[in-house]
Amino acid sequence: MRWPVVTDCRRDMPQVDFAELVEQVRTGVALASFPTDTVPALAARPDQGDRIYATKERPSDKPLILMGATLDDLLPYVKGTDAEIAVWRQMTEIYWPGALTLVLPASDRLPPQMNPLQTGTLGIRVPDHPLARYILSQTGPLATTSVNRSGQSPLEDMADIATQFPELVLLSEAAIAAIKAKIGDFAMTASGVPSTVVRWQPDGWEVLRQGSVQIPE
């Protein structure tokens, strides 16, 4: 995929309507934050993952997660045999949308900015939050992580995020109300519990972190 060239990097972005948030993220003008089922996401176009690392002063040995609206949106960024993909799909049919991150072999479509150490793997997830999936359905998959300075606790309140990270685009209250009228009600708060992380191995799944989704080890 070829992304448009970034021509503007404005700071102190105001709260915006849905169309503008999608446009700002898709064109690479800005990073965004929106609620998920775990903690709010700090999100950017995949080829702008380096801006996430700079924004939160994140160490390069901590890869970002690629979040999407559906598994099919995310599959181009990973690679496996037909049999492996069938097993991965079975896992997502049980736990997605939800707080489970799958770490899989990365394809050559993955921008290097998402994983500076080039480990050859990628964490993917479809969040169990209607607003997050609605945004992702329009932006396409996004590089994501929690909103916080590295080493500090994730921010969970959108007002705190707006104060501490004024350069991020956020949806306005009017935009959120309009989306609720269109897709149904949803909460702006989340569990605060990180996702469970499992890594695919030749002999099956390895649990790297137990979160709100319990996976037998």
N, C-alpha and C. Protein backbone atom coordinates (compact mmCIF):
# COMPACT_ATOMS: atom_id res chain seq x y z
N MET A 1 0.84 -1.20 0.00
CA MET A 1 0.00 0.00 0.00
C MET A 1 0.87 1.24 0.00
N ARG A 2 0.48 2.24 -0.80
CA ARG A 2 1.16 3.53 -0.80
C ARG A 2 0.31 4.55 -0.06
N TRP A 3 0.89 5.13 1.00
CA TRP A 3 0.17 6.14 1.75
C TRP A 3 0.49 7.52 1.19
N PRO A 4 -0.45 8.47 1.33
CA PRO A 4 -0.17 9.82 0.86
C PRO A 4 0.95 10.47 1.65
N VAL A 5 1.63 11.39 1.01
CA VAL A 5 2.75 12.08 1.64
C VAL A 5 2.23 13.03 2.71
N VAL A 6 2.90 13.04 3.87
CA VAL A 6 2.52 13.94 4.95
C VAL A 6 3.00 15.34 4.60
N THR A 7 2.08 16.28 4.63
CA THR A 7 2.44 17.65 4.27
C THR A 7 2.27 18.62 5.43
N ASP A 8 1.72 18.12 6.56
CA ASP A 8 1.44 19.02 7.67
C ASP A 8 1.54 18.24 8.96
N CYS A 9 2.12 18.81 10.00
CA CYS A 9 2.23 18.14 11.29
C CYS A 9 1.80 19.12 12.38
N ARG A 10 0.60 19.62 12.29
CA ARG A 10 0.11 20.61 13.23
C ARG A 10 0.02 20.04 14.63
N ARG A 11 0.28 20.89 15.62
CA ARG A 11 0.15 20.49 17.01
C ARG A 11 -1.07 21.19 17.61
N ASP A 12 -1.37 20.83 18.87
CA ASP A 12 -2.51 21.40 19.56
C ASP A 12 -3.78 21.24 18.74
N MET A 13 -4.03 20.01 18.29
CA MET A 13 -5.20 19.74 17.48
C MET A 13 -6.47 19.83 18.32
N PRO A 14 -7.53 20.43 17.83
CA PRO A 14 -8.79 20.50 18.58
C PRO A 14 -9.53 19.17 18.52
N GLN A 15 -10.55 19.04 19.34
CA GLN A 15 -11.44 17.90 19.20
C GLN A 15 -12.20 18.08 17.88
N VAL A 16 -12.42 16.98 17.19
CA VAL A 16 -12.91 17.08 15.81
C VAL A 16 -14.10 16.16 15.59
N ASP A 17 -14.74 16.31 14.42
CA ASP A 17 -15.81 15.38 14.08
C ASP A 17 -15.20 14.11 13.49
N PHE A 18 -16.06 13.13 13.25
CA PHE A 18 -15.58 11.82 12.83
C PHE A 18 -14.83 11.88 11.50
N ALA A 19 -15.39 12.56 10.52
CA ALA A 19 -14.76 12.62 9.20
C ALA A 19 -13.38 13.24 9.27
N GLU A 20 -13.22 14.29 10.10
CA GLU A 20 -11.92 14.94 10.19
C GLU A 20 -10.90 14.05 10.88
N LEU A 21 -11.32 13.35 11.95
CA LEU A 21 -10.39 12.44 12.61
C LEU A 21 -9.87 11.39 11.63
N VAL A 22 -10.78 10.79 10.88
CA VAL A 22 -10.39 9.78 9.89
C VAL A 22 -9.43 10.38 8.87
N GLU A 23 -9.74 11.56 8.38
CA GLU A 23 -8.90 12.21 7.37
C GLU A 23 -7.52 12.54 7.93
N GLN A 24 -7.47 13.08 9.15
CA GLN A 24 -6.19 13.46 9.75
C GLN A 24 -5.29 12.24 9.92
N VAL A 25 -5.88 11.10 10.32
CA VAL A 25 -5.08 9.89 10.54
C VAL A 25 -4.69 9.25 9.21
N ARG A 26 -5.63 9.14 8.30
CA ARG A 26 -5.35 8.46 7.02
C ARG A 26 -4.31 9.20 6.19
N THR A 27 -4.31 10.52 6.27
CA THR A 27 -3.34 11.29 5.50
C THR A 27 -2.03 11.49 6.26
N GLY A 28 -1.97 11.04 7.50
CA GLY A 28 -0.74 11.15 8.26
C GLY A 28 -0.49 12.50 8.88
N VAL A 29 -1.48 13.36 8.90
CA VAL A 29 -1.29 14.68 9.50
C VAL A 29 -1.16 14.59 11.00
N ALA A 30 -1.92 13.69 11.62
CA ALA A 30 -1.94 13.64 13.07
C ALA A 30 -2.06 12.22 13.59
N LEU A 31 -1.72 12.07 14.87
CA LEU A 31 -2.00 10.86 15.62
C LEU A 31 -3.32 11.07 16.35
N ALA A 32 -3.98 9.98 16.70
CA ALA A 32 -5.28 10.08 17.33
C ALA A 32 -5.34 9.24 18.60
N SER A 33 -6.35 9.50 19.41
CA SER A 33 -6.64 8.65 20.55
C SER A 33 -8.14 8.38 20.56
N PHE A 34 -8.48 7.15 20.90
CA PHE A 34 -9.90 6.77 21.01
C PHE A 34 -10.02 5.61 21.99
N PRO A 35 -11.20 5.42 22.57
CA PRO A 35 -11.38 4.34 23.56
C PRO A 35 -11.28 2.96 22.91
N THR A 36 -10.84 1.99 23.71
CA THR A 36 -10.92 0.58 23.32
C THR A 36 -11.50 -0.18 24.51
N ASP A 37 -11.50 -1.50 24.43
CA ASP A 37 -12.04 -2.30 25.52
C ASP A 37 -11.06 -2.46 26.68
N THR A 38 -9.79 -2.09 26.49
CA THR A 38 -8.80 -2.21 27.57
C THR A 38 -8.45 -0.83 28.11
N VAL A 39 -7.62 -0.09 27.40
CA VAL A 39 -7.31 1.31 27.72
C VAL A 39 -7.36 2.10 26.42
N PRO A 40 -7.51 3.42 26.48
CA PRO A 40 -7.54 4.21 25.26
C PRO A 40 -6.28 4.00 24.43
N ALA A 41 -6.45 4.05 23.13
CA ALA A 41 -5.35 3.82 22.20
C ALA A 41 -4.70 5.12 21.77
N LEU A 42 -3.39 5.08 21.61
CA LEU A 42 -2.64 6.09 20.89
C LEU A 42 -2.37 5.47 19.53
N ALA A 43 -2.91 6.06 18.48
CA ALA A 43 -2.93 5.39 17.18
C ALA A 43 -2.36 6.26 16.07
N ALA A 44 -1.73 5.59 15.11
CA ALA A 44 -1.16 6.27 13.95
C ALA A 44 -1.20 5.33 12.76
N ARG A 45 -1.06 5.89 11.59
CA ARG A 45 -0.91 5.09 10.39
C ARG A 45 0.30 4.16 10.58
N PRO A 46 0.25 2.91 10.10
CA PRO A 46 1.34 1.97 10.37
C PRO A 46 2.72 2.48 9.99
N ASP A 47 2.83 3.23 8.91
CA ASP A 47 4.15 3.71 8.50
C ASP A 47 4.61 4.92 9.32
N GLN A 48 3.78 5.33 10.30
CA GLN A 48 4.16 6.43 11.18
C GLN A 48 4.30 5.97 12.62
N GLY A 49 4.58 4.68 12.79
CA GLY A 49 4.79 4.17 14.14
C GLY A 49 5.92 4.88 14.86
N ASP A 50 6.90 5.39 14.11
CA ASP A 50 8.00 6.09 14.75
C ASP A 50 7.52 7.34 15.49
N ARG A 51 6.43 7.92 15.03
CA ARG A 51 5.88 9.10 15.72
C ARG A 51 5.28 8.72 17.07
N ILE A 52 4.74 7.50 17.16
CA ILE A 52 4.23 7.02 18.44
C ILE A 52 5.40 6.86 19.42
N TYR A 53 6.49 6.24 18.96
CA TYR A 53 7.65 6.07 19.83
C TYR A 53 8.16 7.43 20.33
N ALA A 54 8.19 8.42 19.46
CA ALA A 54 8.67 9.74 19.86
C ALA A 54 7.70 10.42 20.82
N THR A 55 6.41 10.28 20.54
CA THR A 55 5.40 10.97 21.35
C THR A 55 5.40 10.49 22.80
N LYS A 56 5.52 9.19 23.00
CA LYS A 56 5.47 8.67 24.37
C LYS A 56 6.83 8.25 24.90
N GLU A 57 7.90 8.56 24.13
CA GLU A 57 9.27 8.24 24.54
C GLU A 57 9.38 6.74 24.84
N ARG A 58 8.87 5.94 23.92
CA ARG A 58 8.80 4.49 24.10
C ARG A 58 10.10 3.82 23.66
N PRO A 59 10.63 2.89 24.45
CA PRO A 59 11.85 2.17 24.04
C PRO A 59 11.62 1.38 22.76
N SER A 60 12.64 1.28 21.92
CA SER A 60 12.51 0.62 20.63
C SER A 60 12.33 -0.88 20.74
N ASP A 61 12.58 -1.45 21.92
CA ASP A 61 12.42 -2.90 22.07
C ASP A 61 11.00 -3.30 22.45
N LYS A 62 10.07 -2.36 22.40
CA LYS A 62 8.67 -2.65 22.69
C LYS A 62 7.85 -2.41 21.42
N PRO A 63 7.56 -3.47 20.66
CA PRO A 63 6.82 -3.30 19.40
C PRO A 63 5.40 -2.78 19.63
N LEU A 64 4.85 -2.17 18.62
CA LEU A 64 3.48 -1.68 18.65
C LEU A 64 2.53 -2.79 18.22
N ILE A 65 1.25 -2.62 18.54
CA ILE A 65 0.22 -3.55 18.12
C ILE A 65 -0.52 -2.98 16.92
N LEU A 66 -0.81 -3.81 15.94
CA LEU A 66 -1.62 -3.39 14.80
C LEU A 66 -3.07 -3.75 15.11
N MET A 67 -3.91 -2.75 15.20
CA MET A 67 -5.31 -2.94 15.54
C MET A 67 -6.17 -2.73 14.30
N GLY A 68 -7.16 -3.57 14.12
CA GLY A 68 -8.02 -3.46 12.95
C GLY A 68 -9.46 -3.73 13.30
N ALA A 69 -10.35 -3.48 12.33
CA ALA A 69 -11.77 -3.69 12.54
C ALA A 69 -12.16 -5.16 12.39
N THR A 70 -11.40 -5.91 11.58
CA THR A 70 -11.67 -7.33 11.35
C THR A 70 -10.36 -8.07 11.17
N LEU A 71 -10.41 -9.39 11.33
CA LEU A 71 -9.23 -10.20 11.06
C LEU A 71 -8.79 -10.06 9.61
N ASP A 72 -9.73 -10.05 8.69
CA ASP A 72 -9.37 -9.96 7.27
C ASP A 72 -8.62 -8.68 6.95
N ASP A 73 -8.90 -7.60 7.68
CA ASP A 73 -8.15 -6.36 7.48
C ASP A 73 -6.69 -6.51 7.90
N LEU A 74 -6.44 -7.39 8.88
CA LEU A 74 -5.11 -7.54 9.45
C LEU A 74 -4.27 -8.62 8.78
N LEU A 75 -4.91 -9.58 8.15
CA LEU A 75 -4.18 -10.72 7.58
C LEU A 75 -3.09 -10.34 6.58
N PRO A 76 -3.25 -9.27 5.77
CA PRO A 76 -2.16 -8.94 4.84
C PRO A 76 -0.83 -8.60 5.53
N TYR A 77 -0.87 -8.28 6.80
CA TYR A 77 0.34 -7.88 7.51
C TYR A 77 1.04 -9.06 8.19
N VAL A 78 0.45 -10.25 8.12
CA VAL A 78 1.07 -11.44 8.69
C VAL A 78 1.19 -12.51 7.61
N LYS A 79 2.00 -13.54 7.89
CA LYS A 79 2.17 -14.59 6.90
C LYS A 79 2.16 -15.95 7.60
N GLY A 80 1.55 -16.92 6.93
CA GLY A 80 1.50 -18.27 7.44
C GLY A 80 0.95 -19.19 6.39
N THR A 81 1.03 -20.47 6.65
CA THR A 81 0.45 -21.44 5.73
C THR A 81 -1.07 -21.41 5.85
N ASP A 82 -1.75 -22.01 4.90
CA ASP A 82 -3.21 -22.07 4.97
C ASP A 82 -3.65 -22.75 6.26
N ALA A 83 -2.93 -23.80 6.66
CA ALA A 83 -3.28 -24.52 7.88
C ALA A 83 -3.09 -23.64 9.11
N GLU A 84 -2.00 -22.86 9.13
CA GLU A 84 -1.76 -21.97 10.27
C GLU A 84 -2.82 -20.88 10.34
N ILE A 85 -3.13 -20.30 9.20
CA ILE A 85 -4.15 -19.24 9.19
C ILE A 85 -5.49 -19.78 9.65
N ALA A 86 -5.80 -21.02 9.32
CA ALA A 86 -7.04 -21.63 9.78
C ALA A 86 -7.06 -21.73 11.31
N VAL A 87 -5.92 -22.09 11.91
CA VAL A 87 -5.83 -22.17 13.37
C VAL A 87 -5.96 -20.78 13.98
N TRP A 88 -5.30 -19.80 13.38
CA TRP A 88 -5.40 -18.43 13.89
C TRP A 88 -6.85 -17.95 13.82
N ARG A 89 -7.52 -18.27 12.72
CA ARG A 89 -8.90 -17.83 12.56
C ARG A 89 -9.80 -18.48 13.62
N GLN A 90 -9.54 -19.73 13.94
CA GLN A 90 -10.31 -20.41 14.99
C GLN A 90 -10.16 -19.67 16.32
N MET A 91 -8.95 -19.23 16.61
CA MET A 91 -8.70 -18.49 17.86
C MET A 91 -9.49 -17.19 17.87
N THR A 92 -9.50 -16.49 16.76
CA THR A 92 -10.21 -15.21 16.72
C THR A 92 -11.72 -15.40 16.77
N GLU A 93 -12.21 -16.51 16.25
CA GLU A 93 -13.65 -16.76 16.30
C GLU A 93 -14.12 -16.97 17.73
N ILE A 94 -13.22 -17.42 18.59
CA ILE A 94 -13.55 -17.62 20.01
C ILE A 94 -13.43 -16.32 20.79
N TYR A 95 -12.37 -15.57 20.56
CA TYR A 95 -12.01 -14.47 21.46
C TYR A 95 -12.13 -13.07 20.87
N TRP A 96 -12.34 -12.95 19.57
CA TRP A 96 -12.45 -11.62 18.97
C TRP A 96 -13.87 -11.30 18.58
N PRO A 97 -14.27 -10.03 18.62
CA PRO A 97 -13.47 -8.93 19.14
C PRO A 97 -13.25 -9.11 20.64
N GLY A 98 -12.07 -8.71 21.10
CA GLY A 98 -11.76 -8.90 22.50
C GLY A 98 -10.34 -8.55 22.85
N ALA A 99 -10.02 -8.74 24.14
CA ALA A 99 -8.74 -8.32 24.70
C ALA A 99 -7.70 -9.43 24.58
N LEU A 100 -7.50 -9.90 23.35
CA LEU A 100 -6.49 -10.92 23.07
C LEU A 100 -5.64 -10.46 21.90
N THR A 101 -4.33 -10.36 22.14
CA THR A 101 -3.39 -9.99 21.09
C THR A 101 -2.67 -11.24 20.61
N LEU A 102 -2.68 -11.46 19.30
CA LEU A 102 -1.98 -12.58 18.69
C LEU A 102 -0.66 -12.09 18.10
N VAL A 103 0.44 -12.68 18.51
CA VAL A 103 1.75 -12.34 17.95
C VAL A 103 2.08 -13.38 16.89
N LEU A 104 2.15 -12.93 15.64
CA LEU A 104 2.27 -13.82 14.49
C LEU A 104 3.46 -13.41 13.62
N PRO A 105 3.90 -14.29 12.72
CA PRO A 105 4.97 -13.90 11.80
C PRO A 105 4.51 -12.74 10.91
N ALA A 106 5.35 -11.74 10.79
CA ALA A 106 5.00 -10.54 10.01
C ALA A 106 5.28 -10.76 8.53
N SER A 107 4.45 -10.17 7.69
CA SER A 107 4.68 -10.21 6.25
C SER A 107 5.55 -9.02 5.85
N ASP A 108 5.95 -9.00 4.58
CA ASP A 108 6.79 -7.90 4.11
C ASP A 108 5.99 -6.60 3.92
N ARG A 109 4.69 -6.65 4.18
CA ARG A 109 3.88 -5.43 4.09
C ARG A 109 4.00 -4.58 5.35
N LEU A 110 4.51 -5.16 6.43
CA LEU A 110 4.59 -4.42 7.69
C LEU A 110 5.66 -3.33 7.60
N PRO A 111 5.28 -2.05 7.82
CA PRO A 111 6.28 -0.98 7.78
C PRO A 111 7.29 -1.15 8.91
N PRO A 112 8.56 -0.92 8.67
CA PRO A 112 9.58 -1.08 9.71
C PRO A 112 9.38 -0.14 10.89
N GLN A 113 8.66 0.95 10.69
CA GLN A 113 8.44 1.91 11.79
C GLN A 113 7.64 1.30 12.94
N MET A 114 6.95 0.19 12.70
CA MET A 114 6.15 -0.43 13.76
C MET A 114 6.98 -1.30 14.68
N ASN A 115 8.13 -1.75 14.22
CA ASN A 115 8.94 -2.67 14.99
C ASN A 115 10.42 -2.38 14.71
N PRO A 116 10.99 -1.39 15.40
CA PRO A 116 12.35 -0.93 15.09
C PRO A 116 13.40 -2.04 15.14
N LEU A 117 13.21 -3.05 15.97
CA LEU A 117 14.20 -4.11 16.08
C LEU A 117 14.01 -5.21 15.04
N GLN A 118 12.96 -5.08 14.23
CA GLN A 118 12.73 -6.03 13.13
C GLN A 118 12.78 -7.48 13.61
N THR A 119 11.92 -7.81 14.57
CA THR A 119 11.89 -9.16 15.15
C THR A 119 11.23 -10.17 14.24
N GLY A 120 10.54 -9.70 13.19
CA GLY A 120 9.87 -10.62 12.29
C GLY A 120 8.50 -11.06 12.75
N THR A 121 8.01 -10.45 13.83
CA THR A 121 6.68 -10.78 14.33
C THR A 121 5.83 -9.52 14.46
N LEU A 122 4.54 -9.73 14.62
CA LEU A 122 3.60 -8.61 14.74
C LEU A 122 2.45 -9.01 15.65
N GLY A 123 2.12 -8.15 16.60
CA GLY A 123 0.93 -8.35 17.44
C GLY A 123 -0.27 -7.70 16.78
N ILE A 124 -1.36 -8.47 16.65
CA ILE A 124 -2.58 -7.95 16.03
C ILE A 124 -3.76 -8.13 16.97
N ARG A 125 -4.76 -7.24 16.83
CA ARG A 125 -5.93 -7.35 17.71
C ARG A 125 -7.12 -6.62 17.09
N VAL A 126 -8.32 -7.16 17.33
CA VAL A 126 -9.58 -6.49 17.02
C VAL A 126 -10.25 -6.19 18.35
N PRO A 127 -10.40 -4.92 18.72
CA PRO A 127 -10.92 -4.58 20.05
C PRO A 127 -12.43 -4.79 20.17
N ASP A 128 -12.86 -5.10 21.37
CA ASP A 128 -14.28 -5.28 21.64
C ASP A 128 -14.88 -3.95 22.07
N HIS A 129 -14.83 -2.99 21.18
CA HIS A 129 -15.39 -1.66 21.45
C HIS A 129 -15.97 -1.12 20.15
N PRO A 130 -17.28 -0.85 20.11
CA PRO A 130 -17.91 -0.42 18.86
C PRO A 130 -17.30 0.83 18.25
N LEU A 131 -16.95 1.80 19.08
CA LEU A 131 -16.39 3.04 18.54
C LEU A 131 -15.02 2.77 17.91
N ALA A 132 -14.18 2.00 18.60
CA ALA A 132 -12.86 1.70 18.06
C ALA A 132 -12.97 0.99 16.71
N ARG A 133 -13.84 0.00 16.63
CA ARG A 133 -13.98 -0.73 15.36
C ARG A 133 -14.58 0.15 14.27
N TYR A 134 -15.48 1.05 14.66
CA TYR A 134 -16.07 1.97 13.69
C TYR A 134 -15.00 2.89 13.09
N ILE A 135 -14.11 3.39 13.94
CA ILE A 135 -13.02 4.22 13.46
C ILE A 135 -12.08 3.41 12.57
N LEU A 136 -11.70 2.22 13.04
CA LEU A 136 -10.76 1.39 12.29
C LEU A 136 -11.32 0.91 10.96
N SER A 137 -12.64 0.80 10.89
CA SER A 137 -13.25 0.38 9.62
C SER A 137 -13.07 1.43 8.54
N GLN A 138 -12.83 2.69 8.97
CA GLN A 138 -12.66 3.79 8.01
C GLN A 138 -11.19 4.17 7.80
N THR A 139 -10.39 4.04 8.85
CA THR A 139 -8.97 4.40 8.71
C THR A 139 -8.16 3.25 8.14
N GLY A 140 -8.63 2.01 8.30
CA GLY A 140 -7.80 0.85 8.05
C GLY A 140 -7.00 0.54 9.30
N PRO A 141 -6.25 -0.57 9.32
CA PRO A 141 -5.47 -0.93 10.51
C PRO A 141 -4.52 0.18 10.93
N LEU A 142 -4.39 0.34 12.24
CA LEU A 142 -3.53 1.39 12.79
C LEU A 142 -2.54 0.81 13.79
N ALA A 143 -1.36 1.40 13.81
CA ALA A 143 -0.38 1.10 14.85
C ALA A 143 -0.89 1.69 16.15
N THR A 144 -0.87 0.91 17.23
CA THR A 144 -1.46 1.38 18.48
C THR A 144 -0.61 0.98 19.68
N THR A 145 -0.83 1.73 20.75
CA THR A 145 -0.31 1.42 22.07
C THR A 145 -1.14 2.22 23.05
N SER A 146 -0.83 2.13 24.34
CA SER A 146 -1.56 2.91 25.33
C SER A 146 -1.09 4.36 25.30
N VAL A 147 -1.91 5.25 25.87
CA VAL A 147 -1.58 6.68 25.88
C VAL A 147 -0.93 7.02 27.21
N ASN A 148 0.37 7.20 27.20
CA ASN A 148 1.11 7.56 28.41
C ASN A 148 2.56 7.79 28.04
N ARG A 149 3.28 8.50 28.89
CA ARG A 149 4.72 8.56 28.74
C ARG A 149 5.29 7.22 29.18
N SER A 150 6.32 6.78 28.52
CA SER A 150 6.89 5.48 28.84
C SER A 150 7.25 5.39 30.31
N GLY A 151 6.86 4.28 30.94
CA GLY A 151 7.14 4.07 32.35
C GLY A 151 6.05 4.56 33.27
N GLN A 152 5.08 5.31 32.74
CA GLN A 152 3.96 5.79 33.54
C GLN A 152 2.71 4.96 33.25
N SER A 153 1.73 5.06 34.12
CA SER A 153 0.49 4.31 33.96
C SER A 153 -0.30 4.83 32.76
N PRO A 154 -1.00 3.94 32.04
CA PRO A 154 -1.82 4.39 30.91
C PRO A 154 -2.90 5.37 31.36
N LEU A 155 -3.12 6.41 30.57
CA LEU A 155 -4.20 7.35 30.85
C LEU A 155 -5.51 6.72 30.41
N GLU A 156 -6.55 6.87 31.24
CA GLU A 156 -7.83 6.24 30.95
C GLU A 156 -8.94 7.26 30.70
N ASP A 157 -8.71 8.51 31.07
CA ASP A 157 -9.72 9.55 30.92
C ASP A 157 -9.38 10.41 29.70
N MET A 158 -10.35 10.60 28.81
CA MET A 158 -10.08 11.34 27.58
C MET A 158 -9.72 12.80 27.88
N ALA A 159 -10.25 13.36 28.97
CA ALA A 159 -9.90 14.74 29.33
C ALA A 159 -8.43 14.83 29.72
N ASP A 160 -7.93 13.82 30.46
CA ASP A 160 -6.52 13.80 30.83
C ASP A 160 -5.64 13.66 29.59
N ILE A 161 -6.10 12.83 28.65
CA ILE A 161 -5.34 12.65 27.41
C ILE A 161 -5.26 13.96 26.64
N ALA A 162 -6.38 14.68 26.56
CA ALA A 162 -6.39 15.96 25.85
C ALA A 162 -5.44 16.96 26.49
N THR A 163 -5.33 16.90 27.82
CA THR A 163 -4.46 17.83 28.54
C THR A 163 -2.99 17.48 28.37
N GLN A 164 -2.67 16.20 28.52
CA GLN A 164 -1.27 15.78 28.51
C GLN A 164 -0.71 15.56 27.10
N PHE A 165 -1.62 15.30 26.14
CA PHE A 165 -1.19 15.07 24.76
C PHE A 165 -2.04 15.93 23.81
N PRO A 166 -1.88 17.25 23.89
CA PRO A 166 -2.75 18.15 23.10
C PRO A 166 -2.54 18.02 21.59
N GLU A 167 -1.47 17.35 21.18
CA GLU A 167 -1.25 17.20 19.74
C GLU A 167 -2.10 16.10 19.12
N LEU A 168 -2.75 15.26 19.94
CA LEU A 168 -3.55 14.17 19.41
C LEU A 168 -4.94 14.65 19.00
N VAL A 169 -5.50 14.07 17.95
CA VAL A 169 -6.88 14.37 17.58
C VAL A 169 -7.80 13.45 18.37
N LEU A 170 -8.85 14.04 18.91
CA LEU A 170 -9.87 13.32 19.67
C LEU A 170 -11.23 13.66 19.10
N LEU A 171 -12.18 12.75 19.25
CA LEU A 171 -13.54 13.05 18.81
C LEU A 171 -14.20 14.01 19.78
N SER A 172 -14.95 14.95 19.25
CA SER A 172 -15.71 15.87 20.09
C SER A 172 -16.91 15.16 20.68
N GLU A 173 -17.50 15.74 21.72
CA GLU A 173 -18.69 15.16 22.33
C GLU A 173 -19.83 15.07 21.33
N ALA A 174 -19.95 16.07 20.48
CA ALA A 174 -21.00 16.05 19.46
C ALA A 174 -20.76 14.91 18.47
N ALA A 175 -19.51 14.68 18.12
CA ALA A 175 -19.19 13.59 17.19
C ALA A 175 -19.52 12.24 17.82
N ILE A 176 -19.21 12.09 19.09
CA ILE A 176 -19.49 10.83 19.78
C ILE A 176 -20.99 10.60 19.86
N ALA A 177 -21.75 11.64 20.15
CA ALA A 177 -23.20 11.53 20.22
C ALA A 177 -23.77 11.13 18.86
N ALA A 178 -23.24 11.70 17.80
CA ALA A 178 -23.72 11.37 16.45
C ALA A 178 -23.42 9.91 16.10
N ILE A 179 -22.26 9.42 16.52
CA ILE A 179 -21.91 8.03 16.25
C ILE A 179 -22.80 7.09 17.04
N LYS A 180 -23.08 7.44 18.29
CA LYS A 180 -23.98 6.62 19.11
C LYS A 180 -25.35 6.52 18.47
N ALA A 181 -25.82 7.62 17.91
CA ALA A 181 -27.13 7.62 17.25
C ALA A 181 -27.12 6.71 16.03
N LYS A 182 -25.95 6.52 15.44
CA LYS A 182 -25.84 5.72 14.23
C LYS A 182 -25.60 4.25 14.50
N ILE A 183 -24.72 3.92 15.47
CA ILE A 183 -24.35 2.52 15.68
C ILE A 183 -24.82 1.95 17.01
N GLY A 184 -25.42 2.79 17.86
CA GLY A 184 -25.88 2.32 19.16
C GLY A 184 -24.99 2.83 20.28
N ASP A 185 -25.49 2.72 21.50
CA ASP A 185 -24.78 3.27 22.65
C ASP A 185 -23.53 2.45 22.97
N PHE A 186 -22.56 3.09 23.60
CA PHE A 186 -21.35 2.41 24.05
C PHE A 186 -20.75 3.23 25.18
N ALA A 187 -19.94 2.58 26.00
CA ALA A 187 -19.28 3.25 27.11
C ALA A 187 -17.98 3.88 26.65
N MET A 188 -17.63 5.00 27.25
CA MET A 188 -16.35 5.63 26.94
C MET A 188 -15.26 5.17 27.90
N THR A 189 -15.63 4.39 28.92
CA THR A 189 -14.65 3.84 29.85
C THR A 189 -14.38 2.38 29.47
N ALA A 190 -13.28 1.85 29.98
CA ALA A 190 -12.91 0.48 29.64
C ALA A 190 -12.43 -0.24 30.89
N SER A 191 -11.99 -1.47 30.71
CA SER A 191 -11.61 -2.30 31.86
C SER A 191 -10.34 -1.81 32.54
N GLY A 192 -9.43 -1.20 31.79
CA GLY A 192 -8.15 -0.82 32.36
C GLY A 192 -7.18 -1.98 32.49
N VAL A 193 -7.63 -3.18 32.13
CA VAL A 193 -6.79 -4.38 32.19
C VAL A 193 -6.18 -4.62 30.82
N PRO A 194 -4.87 -4.82 30.73
CA PRO A 194 -4.25 -5.02 29.42
C PRO A 194 -4.71 -6.31 28.76
N SER A 195 -4.51 -6.37 27.46
CA SER A 195 -4.90 -7.57 26.72
C SER A 195 -4.00 -8.75 27.07
N THR A 196 -4.54 -9.95 26.93
CA THR A 196 -3.74 -11.16 27.00
C THR A 196 -2.93 -11.24 25.70
N VAL A 197 -1.68 -11.70 25.80
CA VAL A 197 -0.82 -11.79 24.62
C VAL A 197 -0.35 -13.23 24.45
N VAL A 198 -0.59 -13.78 23.26
CA VAL A 198 -0.11 -15.13 22.95
C VAL A 198 0.68 -15.09 21.65
N ARG A 199 1.74 -15.88 21.60
CA ARG A 199 2.60 -15.92 20.42
C ARG A 199 2.50 -17.29 19.75
N TRP A 200 2.39 -17.25 18.43
CA TRP A 200 2.30 -18.49 17.66
C TRP A 200 3.68 -19.14 17.55
N GLN A 201 3.72 -20.42 17.88
CA GLN A 201 4.92 -21.23 17.76
C GLN A 201 4.62 -22.44 16.87
N PRO A 202 5.64 -23.12 16.35
CA PRO A 202 5.38 -24.29 15.51
C PRO A 202 4.51 -25.34 16.16
N ASP A 203 4.58 -25.43 17.49
CA ASP A 203 3.79 -26.44 18.19
C ASP A 203 2.55 -25.87 18.89
N GLY A 204 2.19 -24.62 18.57
CA GLY A 204 0.98 -24.05 19.16
C GLY A 204 1.22 -22.69 19.78
N TRP A 205 0.36 -22.31 20.71
CA TRP A 205 0.39 -20.96 21.30
C TRP A 205 1.24 -20.93 22.56
N GLU A 206 2.01 -19.86 22.71
CA GLU A 206 2.76 -19.58 23.92
C GLU A 206 2.18 -18.34 24.56
N VAL A 207 1.79 -18.43 25.83
CA VAL A 207 1.21 -17.29 26.53
C VAL A 207 2.34 -16.39 27.03
N LEU A 208 2.37 -15.16 26.55
CA LEU A 208 3.37 -14.19 26.97
C LEU A 208 2.86 -13.33 28.12
N ARG A 209 1.56 -13.09 28.15
CA ARG A 209 0.98 -12.27 29.23
C ARG A 209 -0.48 -12.65 29.40
N GLN A 210 -0.86 -12.96 30.62
CA GLN A 210 -2.27 -13.20 30.92
C GLN A 210 -2.92 -11.88 31.28
N GLY A 211 -3.98 -11.55 30.59
CA GLY A 211 -4.75 -10.35 30.88
C GLY A 211 -6.17 -10.72 31.22
N SER A 212 -7.13 -9.95 30.71
CA SER A 212 -8.52 -10.21 31.03
C SER A 212 -9.05 -11.46 30.37
N VAL A 213 -8.45 -11.87 29.25
CA VAL A 213 -8.82 -13.14 28.61
C VAL A 213 -7.88 -14.22 29.11
N GLN A 214 -8.43 -15.27 29.71
CA GLN A 214 -7.62 -16.33 30.27
C GLN A 214 -7.41 -17.44 29.25
N ILE A 215 -6.15 -17.67 28.90
CA ILE A 215 -5.78 -18.70 27.95
C ILE A 215 -5.03 -19.80 28.68
N PRO A 216 -5.44 -21.06 28.57
CA PRO A 216 -4.73 -22.15 29.25
C PRO A 216 -3.27 -22.23 28.79
N GLU A 217 -2.37 -22.38 29.73
CA GLU A 217 -0.94 -22.46 29.39
C GLU A 217 -0.50 -23.92 29.30
